[in-house]
Amino acid sequence: FVQRKITASSVLSHKFNTRHFLKTGTYVNFIGFDFRQSVWDRTSERMEEQVRSDGHTQMVHAFAHWQYRAAEQLTLNAGVHTATLLLNNATSVEPRVAVRYQPDKRNTLTLGYGLHSQAAPLATYRSKDSDGRLLNSDLGMSKAHHFVAGYDRSLTARMHIKGEVYYQHLFDVPVESGKGSSFSLLNVFDGVVYKKLENSGLGRNYGAEITLEQFLNRGFYFLLSSSWYRSEY
């Protein structure tokens, strides 16, 4: 499998005043692909070609991000992101928001939410059945609601500790059509999927992370971190 990608981007930033900041932009991925896959057929005792597909497509992203400093201690970030895969015109519109509250110089609290999407591997859209018909050309994107809360405390002028908890609710995940199958694209890491898929699967990830960090001081720094998570489908 060969994929080539060229990215073009344009970003415009404008600071209205000390409280309002706006950033907008777009970036386009120009993707070329060349897929070949063959397997050994024991009956015919020869290599049988399963996939031969090449072409190109584009992935288009656009976003707008607004930052508002409501007070010295409180900052709001809000925005929207869109993604479109022109291979089949699958589109996702994703709102995102985050709040940062710093009551004093030593403590910081953060809360965030965002909707995120992900296209399937391109080879999934090009898989065919035994009659040569495309199986998943109209497949949509997987999506997930992300929630995160964090707390950061400065222990000294050069050391801080940070903890985060998060939850991700995955939906519209490609799974095999029909009843009685446990197949989910969440569990696929490589190769081509020769199954008819539909965007009806679910999943979730949740966990916690903690980090202790000393910033560079007299040529020395360190970073200690630990995490716990659970991932289900």
C-alpha atoms as a PDB file:
ATOM      1  CA  PHE A   1       0.000   0.000   0.000  1.00  0.00           C
ATOM      2  CA  VAL A   2       1.450   3.367  -1.031  1.00  0.00           C
ATOM      3  CA  GLN A   3       0.000   6.740  -0.105  1.00  0.00           C
ATOM      4  CA  ARG A   4       1.387  10.161  -0.962  1.00  0.00           C
ATOM      5  CA  LYS A   5       0.186  13.344   0.686  1.00  0.00           C
ATOM      6  CA  ILE A   6       0.781  17.020  -0.065  1.00  0.00           C
ATOM      7  CA  THR A   7      -0.759  19.606   2.268  1.00  0.00           C
ATOM      8  CA  ALA A   8      -1.640  23.216   1.446  1.00  0.00           C
ATOM      9  CA  SER A   9      -2.804  25.479   4.255  1.00  0.00           C
ATOM     10  CA  SER A  10      -3.812  29.068   4.879  1.00  0.00           C
ATOM     11  CA  VAL A  11      -4.418  30.668   8.289  1.00  0.00           C
ATOM     12  CA  LEU A  12      -5.619  34.151   9.232  1.00  0.00           C
ATOM     13  CA  SER A  13      -5.215  35.436  12.804  1.00  0.00           C
ATOM     14  CA  HIS A  14      -6.508  38.719  14.183  1.00  0.00           C
ATOM     15  CA  LYS A  15      -6.289  40.192  17.667  1.00  0.00           C
ATOM     16  CA  PHE A  16      -9.144  42.654  18.140  1.00  0.00           C
ATOM     17  CA  ASN A  17      -8.012  43.750  21.600  1.00  0.00           C
ATOM     18  CA  THR A  18      -6.625  42.275  24.819  1.00  0.00           C
ATOM     19  CA  ARG A  19      -9.781  40.180  25.285  1.00  0.00           C
ATOM     20  CA  HIS A  20     -10.749  38.957  21.811  1.00  0.00           C
ATOM     21  CA  PHE A  21      -8.650  36.864  19.439  1.00  0.00           C
ATOM     22  CA  LEU A  22      -9.859  35.132  16.266  1.00  0.00           C
ATOM     23  CA  LYS A  23      -8.090  32.535  14.163  1.00  0.00           C
ATOM     24  CA  THR A  24      -9.531  30.978  11.003  1.00  0.00           C
ATOM     25  CA  GLY A  25      -8.060  28.783   8.364  1.00  0.00           C
ATOM     26  CA  THR A  26      -8.260  25.874   5.999  1.00  0.00           C
ATOM     27  CA  TYR A  27      -5.929  23.096   4.966  1.00  0.00           C
ATOM     28  CA  VAL A  28      -6.252  20.590   2.169  1.00  0.00           C
ATOM     29  CA  ASN A  29      -4.556  17.215   1.955  1.00  0.00           C
ATOM     30  CA  PHE A  30      -3.992  16.059  -1.623  1.00  0.00           C
ATOM     31  CA  ILE A  31      -3.745  12.281  -1.353  1.00  0.00           C
ATOM     32  CA  GLY A  32      -2.539   9.860  -4.001  1.00  0.00           C
ATOM     33  CA  PHE A  33      -2.865   6.117  -3.414  1.00  0.00           C
ATOM     34  CA  ASP A  34      -1.773   2.863  -5.009  1.00  0.00           C
ATOM     35  CA  PHE A  35      -3.134  -0.308  -3.379  1.00  0.00           C
ATOM     36  CA  ARG A  36      -2.036  -3.844  -4.274  1.00  0.00           C
ATOM     37  CA  GLN A  37      -2.695  -6.994  -2.309  1.00  0.00           C
ATOM     38  CA  SER A  38      -2.287 -10.646  -3.277  1.00  0.00           C
ATOM     39  CA  VAL A  39      -2.627 -13.857  -1.270  1.00  0.00           C
ATOM     40  CA  TRP A  40      -1.523 -17.444  -1.908  1.00  0.00           C
ATOM     41  CA  ASP A  41      -4.377 -19.656  -3.073  1.00  0.00           C
ATOM     42  CA  ARG A  42      -3.739 -23.242  -2.049  1.00  0.00           C
ATOM     43  CA  THR A  43      -6.245 -24.678  -4.517  1.00  0.00           C
ATOM     44  CA  SER A  44      -4.736 -23.067  -7.610  1.00  0.00           C
ATOM     45  CA  GLU A  45      -1.248 -22.987  -6.041  1.00  0.00           C
ATOM     46  CA  ARG A  46      -0.570 -19.455  -7.176  1.00  0.00           C
ATOM     47  CA  MET A  47      -0.827 -15.870  -6.003  1.00  0.00           C
ATOM     48  CA  GLU A  48      -4.320 -14.461  -6.404  1.00  0.00           C
ATOM     49  CA  GLU A  49      -4.707 -10.678  -6.639  1.00  0.00           C
ATOM     50  CA  GLN A  50      -7.322  -9.319  -4.230  1.00  0.00           C
ATOM     51  CA  VAL A  51      -6.813  -5.590  -4.570  1.00  0.00           C
ATOM     52  CA  ARG A  52      -5.608  -3.387  -7.413  1.00  0.00           C
ATOM     53  CA  SER A  53      -6.678   0.212  -7.041  1.00  0.00           C
ATOM     54  CA  ASP A  54      -5.029   3.561  -7.592  1.00  0.00           C
ATOM     55  CA  GLY A  55      -6.181   7.136  -7.794  1.00  0.00           C
ATOM     56  CA  HIS A  56      -6.285  10.344  -5.823  1.00  0.00           C
ATOM     57  CA  THR A  57      -8.591  12.304  -3.550  1.00  0.00           C
ATOM     58  CA  GLN A  58      -8.598  15.288  -1.194  1.00  0.00           C
ATOM     59  CA  MET A  59      -9.355  15.781   2.493  1.00  0.00           C
ATOM     60  CA  VAL A  60     -10.521  19.344   3.185  1.00  0.00           C
ATOM     61  CA  HIS A  61     -10.474  20.907   6.660  1.00  0.00           C
ATOM     62  CA  ALA A  62     -11.696  24.350   7.730  1.00  0.00           C
ATOM     63  CA  PHE A  63     -11.849  25.872  11.192  1.00  0.00           C
ATOM     64  CA  ALA A  64     -12.594  28.990  13.211  1.00  0.00           C
ATOM     65  CA  HIS A  65     -11.247  29.543  16.726  1.00  0.00           C
ATOM     66  CA  TRP A  66     -12.250  32.367  19.055  1.00  0.00           C
ATOM     67  CA  GLN A  67     -10.476  33.133  22.329  1.00  0.00           C
ATOM     68  CA  TYR A  68     -12.136  35.379  24.885  1.00  0.00           C
ATOM     69  CA  ARG A  69     -10.446  36.547  28.088  1.00  0.00           C
ATOM     70  CA  ALA A  70     -13.460  37.241  30.260  1.00  0.00           C
ATOM     71  CA  ALA A  71     -11.228  38.183  33.188  1.00  0.00           C
ATOM     72  CA  GLU A  72      -7.615  37.954  34.261  1.00  0.00           C
ATOM     73  CA  GLN A  73      -8.305  34.504  35.706  1.00  0.00           C
ATOM     74  CA  LEU A  74     -10.799  33.174  33.141  1.00  0.00           C
ATOM     75  CA  THR A  75     -10.229  32.326  29.453  1.00  0.00           C
ATOM     76  CA  LEU A  76     -12.753  30.809  27.045  1.00  0.00           C
ATOM     77  CA  ASN A  77     -11.818  29.064  23.796  1.00  0.00           C
ATOM     78  CA  ALA A  78     -14.583  28.119  21.371  1.00  0.00           C
ATOM     79  CA  GLY A  79     -14.717  27.126  17.746  1.00  0.00           C
ATOM     80  CA  VAL A  80     -15.911  24.856  14.997  1.00  0.00           C
ATOM     81  CA  HIS A  81     -14.029  22.480  12.702  1.00  0.00           C
ATOM     82  CA  THR A  82     -15.247  20.829   9.507  1.00  0.00           C
ATOM     83  CA  ALA A  83     -13.781  17.894   7.619  1.00  0.00           C
ATOM     84  CA  THR A  84     -14.788  16.580   4.194  1.00  0.00           C
ATOM     85  CA  LEU A  85     -13.436  13.529   2.377  1.00  0.00           C
ATOM     86  CA  LEU A  86     -13.986  14.252  -1.313  1.00  0.00           C
ATOM     87  CA  LEU A  87     -13.602  10.568  -2.202  1.00  0.00           C
ATOM     88  CA  ASN A  88     -17.260  10.100  -1.207  1.00  0.00           C
ATOM     89  CA  ASN A  89     -18.185  13.580   0.148  1.00  0.00           C
ATOM     90  CA  ALA A  90     -18.427  12.350   3.753  1.00  0.00           C
ATOM     91  CA  THR A  91     -18.571  15.466   5.958  1.00  0.00           C
ATOM     92  CA  SER A  92     -18.361  16.197   9.670  1.00  0.00           C
ATOM     93  CA  VAL A  93     -19.111  19.486  11.490  1.00  0.00           C
ATOM     94  CA  GLU A  94     -17.457  19.585  14.916  1.00  0.00           C
ATOM     95  CA  PRO A  95     -18.054  22.158  17.690  1.00  0.00           C
ATOM     96  CA  ARG A  96     -15.358  22.503  20.378  1.00  0.00           C
ATOM     97  CA  VAL A  97     -15.097  24.531  23.586  1.00  0.00           C
ATOM     98  CA  ALA A  98     -12.660  24.816  26.494  1.00  0.00           C
ATOM     99  CA  VAL A  99     -12.490  26.881  29.683  1.00  0.00           C
ATOM    100  CA  ARG A 100      -9.360  27.749  31.657  1.00  0.00           C
ATOM    101  CA  TYR A 101      -9.628  29.167  35.167  1.00  0.00           C
ATOM    102  CA  GLN A 102      -6.562  30.323  37.106  1.00  0.00           C
ATOM    103  CA  PRO A 103      -7.577  31.649  40.541  1.00  0.00           C
ATOM    104  CA  ASP A 104      -3.935  32.358  41.449  1.00  0.00           C
ATOM    105  CA  LYS A 105      -0.420  31.855  40.086  1.00  0.00           C
ATOM    106  CA  ARG A 106      -0.103  28.308  41.447  1.00  0.00           C
ATOM    107  CA  ASN A 107      -3.393  26.663  40.457  1.00  0.00           C
ATOM    108  CA  THR A 108      -5.106  26.169  37.113  1.00  0.00           C
ATOM    109  CA  LEU A 109      -8.336  24.339  36.293  1.00  0.00           C
ATOM    110  CA  THR A 110      -9.372  23.330  32.750  1.00  0.00           C
ATOM    111  CA  LEU A 111     -12.508  21.850  31.198  1.00  0.00           C
ATOM    112  CA  GLY A 112     -12.946  20.903  27.577  1.00  0.00           C
ATOM    113  CA  TYR A 113     -15.348  19.321  25.103  1.00  0.00           C
ATOM    114  CA  GLY A 114     -14.959  18.566  21.434  1.00  0.00           C
ATOM    115  CA  LEU A 115     -16.531  16.523  18.678  1.00  0.00           C
ATOM    116  CA  HIS A 116     -13.880  14.755  16.573  1.00  0.00           C
ATOM    117  CA  SER A 117     -14.110  12.615  13.451  1.00  0.00           C
ATOM    118  CA  GLN A 118     -11.883  10.199  11.566  1.00  0.00           C
ATOM    119  CA  ALA A 119     -12.146   8.741   8.092  1.00  0.00           C
ATOM    120  CA  ALA A 120     -11.586   5.041   7.579  1.00  0.00           C
ATOM    121  CA  PRO A 121      -8.338   3.858   5.938  1.00  0.00           C
ATOM    122  CA  LEU A 122      -8.626   4.677   2.244  1.00  0.00           C
ATOM    123  CA  ALA A 123      -8.310   1.025   1.242  1.00  0.00           C
ATOM    124  CA  THR A 124     -11.599   0.338   3.061  1.00  0.00           C
ATOM    125  CA  TYR A 125     -13.442   2.551   0.570  1.00  0.00           C
ATOM    126  CA  ARG A 126     -11.900   0.650  -2.366  1.00  0.00           C
ATOM    127  CA  SER A 127     -12.624  -2.948  -1.248  1.00  0.00           C
ATOM    128  CA  LYS A 128     -14.815  -4.981  -3.614  1.00  0.00           C
ATOM    129  CA  ASP A 129     -16.970  -8.096  -3.462  1.00  0.00           C
ATOM    130  CA  SER A 130     -16.516 -11.181  -5.624  1.00  0.00           C
ATOM    131  CA  ASP A 131     -18.435  -9.488  -8.461  1.00  0.00           C
ATOM    132  CA  GLY A 132     -16.138  -6.473  -8.477  1.00  0.00           C
ATOM    133  CA  ARG A 133     -18.608  -4.056  -6.855  1.00  0.00           C
ATOM    134  CA  LEU A 134     -17.408  -1.543  -4.286  1.00  0.00           C
ATOM    135  CA  LEU A 135     -18.562  -2.511  -0.811  1.00  0.00           C
ATOM    136  CA  ASN A 136     -17.993   0.642   1.230  1.00  0.00           C
ATOM    137  CA  SER A 137     -17.771   3.571  -1.161  1.00  0.00           C
ATOM    138  CA  ASP A 138     -20.468   5.478   0.780  1.00  0.00           C
ATOM    139  CA  LEU A 139     -19.064   4.834   4.273  1.00  0.00           C
ATOM    140  CA  GLY A 140     -19.214   7.813   6.641  1.00  0.00           C
ATOM    141  CA  MET A 141     -16.689   8.934   9.259  1.00  0.00           C
ATOM    142  CA  SER A 142     -16.309   7.641  12.781  1.00  0.00           C
ATOM    143  CA  LYS A 143     -17.087  10.307  15.398  1.00  0.00           C
ATOM    144  CA  ALA A 144     -16.416  10.819  19.078  1.00  0.00           C
ATOM    145  CA  HIS A 145     -17.459  13.188  21.838  1.00  0.00           C
ATOM    146  CA  HIS A 146     -14.356  14.071  23.892  1.00  0.00           C
ATOM    147  CA  PHE A 147     -14.633  15.350  27.477  1.00  0.00           C
ATOM    148  CA  VAL A 148     -11.599  16.278  29.585  1.00  0.00           C
ATOM    149  CA  ALA A 149     -10.987  17.930  32.959  1.00  0.00           C
ATOM    150  CA  GLY A 150      -7.574  18.906  34.296  1.00  0.00           C
ATOM    151  CA  TYR A 151      -5.861  20.417  37.311  1.00  0.00           C
ATOM    152  CA  ASP A 152      -2.353  21.927  37.296  1.00  0.00           C
ATOM    153  CA  ARG A 153      -0.493  23.027  40.429  1.00  0.00           C
ATOM    154  CA  SER A 154       2.908  24.691  40.643  1.00  0.00           C
ATOM    155  CA  LEU A 155       4.939  23.116  43.456  1.00  0.00           C
ATOM    156  CA  THR A 156       7.924  25.428  43.030  1.00  0.00           C
ATOM    157  CA  ALA A 157       8.989  28.059  40.517  1.00  0.00           C
ATOM    158  CA  ARG A 158      10.328  25.266  38.265  1.00  0.00           C
ATOM    159  CA  MET A 159       8.210  22.232  39.103  1.00  0.00           C
ATOM    160  CA  HIS A 160       4.539  21.433  38.659  1.00  0.00           C
ATOM    161  CA  ILE A 161       2.142  18.493  38.843  1.00  0.00           C
ATOM    162  CA  LYS A 162      -0.774  18.007  36.467  1.00  0.00           C
ATOM    163  CA  GLY A 163      -3.672  15.570  36.503  1.00  0.00           C
ATOM    164  CA  GLU A 164      -6.338  14.891  33.866  1.00  0.00           C
ATOM    165  CA  VAL A 165      -9.374  12.667  33.516  1.00  0.00           C
ATOM    166  CA  TYR A 166     -11.088  12.070  30.194  1.00  0.00           C
ATOM    167  CA  TYR A 167     -13.994  10.256  28.588  1.00  0.00           C
ATOM    168  CA  GLN A 168     -14.556   9.613  24.888  1.00  0.00           C
ATOM    169  CA  HIS A 169     -17.868   8.372  23.508  1.00  0.00           C
ATOM    170  CA  LEU A 170     -17.373   6.883  20.036  1.00  0.00           C
ATOM    171  CA  PHE A 171     -20.289   6.535  17.624  1.00  0.00           C
ATOM    172  CA  ASP A 172     -20.934   6.028  13.909  1.00  0.00           C
ATOM    173  CA  VAL A 173     -18.108   3.490  14.018  1.00  0.00           C
ATOM    174  CA  PRO A 174     -18.000   1.224  10.916  1.00  0.00           C
ATOM    175  CA  VAL A 175     -19.108  -2.297  11.848  1.00  0.00           C
ATOM    176  CA  GLU A 176     -20.215  -5.277   9.781  1.00  0.00           C
ATOM    177  CA  SER A 177     -23.756  -5.047   8.446  1.00  0.00           C
ATOM    178  CA  GLY A 178     -26.292  -7.549   9.732  1.00  0.00           C
ATOM    179  CA  LYS A 179     -26.796  -9.312  13.039  1.00  0.00           C
ATOM    180  CA  GLY A 180     -24.540 -11.813  14.736  1.00  0.00           C
ATOM    181  CA  SER A 181     -21.179 -10.185  13.984  1.00  0.00           C
ATOM    182  CA  SER A 182     -18.774  -8.583  16.475  1.00  0.00           C
ATOM    183  CA  PHE A 183     -16.552  -7.085  13.750  1.00  0.00           C
ATOM    184  CA  SER A 184     -15.630  -3.423  14.319  1.00  0.00           C
ATOM    185  CA  LEU A 185     -13.188  -1.264  12.397  1.00  0.00           C
ATOM    186  CA  LEU A 186     -11.856  -0.113  15.783  1.00  0.00           C
ATOM    187  CA  ASN A 187      -9.986  -3.431  15.989  1.00  0.00           C
ATOM    188  CA  VAL A 188      -8.430  -3.305  12.500  1.00  0.00           C
ATOM    189  CA  PHE A 189      -4.818  -2.154  12.254  1.00  0.00           C
ATOM    190  CA  ASP A 190      -3.799  -3.061   8.701  1.00  0.00           C
ATOM    191  CA  GLY A 191      -4.889  -4.811   5.521  1.00  0.00           C
ATOM    192  CA  VAL A 192      -8.119  -4.524   3.551  1.00  0.00           C
ATOM    193  CA  VAL A 193     -11.581  -5.185   4.973  1.00  0.00           C
ATOM    194  CA  TYR A 194     -13.690  -7.389   2.661  1.00  0.00           C
ATOM    195  CA  LYS A 195     -16.944  -6.835   4.506  1.00  0.00           C
ATOM    196  CA  LYS A 196     -19.978  -4.647   3.957  1.00  0.00           C
ATOM    197  CA  LEU A 197     -19.805  -2.010   6.706  1.00  0.00           C
ATOM    198  CA  GLU A 198     -22.289   0.450   8.173  1.00  0.00           C
ATOM    199  CA  ASN A 199     -21.875   3.393  10.574  1.00  0.00           C
ATOM    200  CA  SER A 200     -23.755   1.943  13.547  1.00  0.00           C
ATOM    201  CA  GLY A 201     -21.011   0.861  15.940  1.00  0.00           C
ATOM    202  CA  LEU A 202     -20.161   2.258  19.369  1.00  0.00           C
ATOM    203  CA  GLY A 203     -17.111   2.461  21.569  1.00  0.00           C
ATOM    204  CA  ARG A 204     -15.685   4.330  24.532  1.00  0.00           C
ATOM    205  CA  ASN A 205     -12.338   5.249  26.056  1.00  0.00           C
ATOM    206  CA  TYR A 206     -11.842   6.657  29.530  1.00  0.00           C
ATOM    207  CA  GLY A 207      -8.953   7.102  31.881  1.00  0.00           C
ATOM    208  CA  ALA A 208      -6.740   9.357  33.954  1.00  0.00           C
ATOM    209  CA  GLU A 209      -3.204  10.717  33.656  1.00  0.00           C
ATOM    210  CA  ILE A 210      -0.843  12.381  36.119  1.00  0.00           C
ATOM    211  CA  THR A 211       2.458  14.116  35.339  1.00  0.00           C
ATOM    212  CA  LEU A 212       5.217  15.558  37.503  1.00  0.00           C
ATOM    213  CA  GLU A 213       7.609  17.837  35.626  1.00  0.00           C
ATOM    214  CA  GLN A 214      10.652  19.883  36.486  1.00  0.00           C
ATOM    215  CA  PHE A 215      11.521  22.535  33.917  1.00  0.00           C
ATOM    216  CA  LEU A 216      15.093  22.933  32.704  1.00  0.00           C
ATOM    217  CA  ASN A 217      17.260  24.356  35.498  1.00  0.00           C
ATOM    218  CA  ARG A 218      21.075  24.346  35.510  1.00  0.00           C
ATOM    219  CA  GLY A 219      21.102  21.805  32.695  1.00  0.00           C
ATOM    220  CA  PHE A 220      18.713  19.361  34.370  1.00  0.00           C
ATOM    221  CA  TYR A 221      15.037  18.495  33.930  1.00  0.00           C
ATOM    222  CA  PHE A 222      12.812  15.464  34.404  1.00  0.00           C
ATOM    223  CA  LEU A 223       9.340  14.244  33.524  1.00  0.00           C
ATOM    224  CA  LEU A 224       7.488  11.479  35.383  1.00  0.00           C
ATOM    225  CA  SER A 225       4.066  10.395  34.163  1.00  0.00           C
ATOM    226  CA  SER A 226       1.579   7.604  34.684  1.00  0.00           C
ATOM    227  CA  SER A 227      -1.735   6.742  33.058  1.00  0.00           C
ATOM    228  CA  TRP A 228      -4.635   4.354  33.432  1.00  0.00           C
ATOM    229  CA  TYR A 229      -7.245   3.800  30.757  1.00  0.00           C
ATOM    230  CA  ARG A 230      -9.900   1.425  29.519  1.00  0.00           C
ATOM    231  CA  SER A 231     -11.001   1.018  25.903  1.00  0.00           C
ATOM    232  CA  GLU A 232     -14.171  -0.826  24.885  1.00  0.00           C
ATOM    233  CA  TYR A 233     -16.235  -1.431  21.749  1.00  0.00           C
END
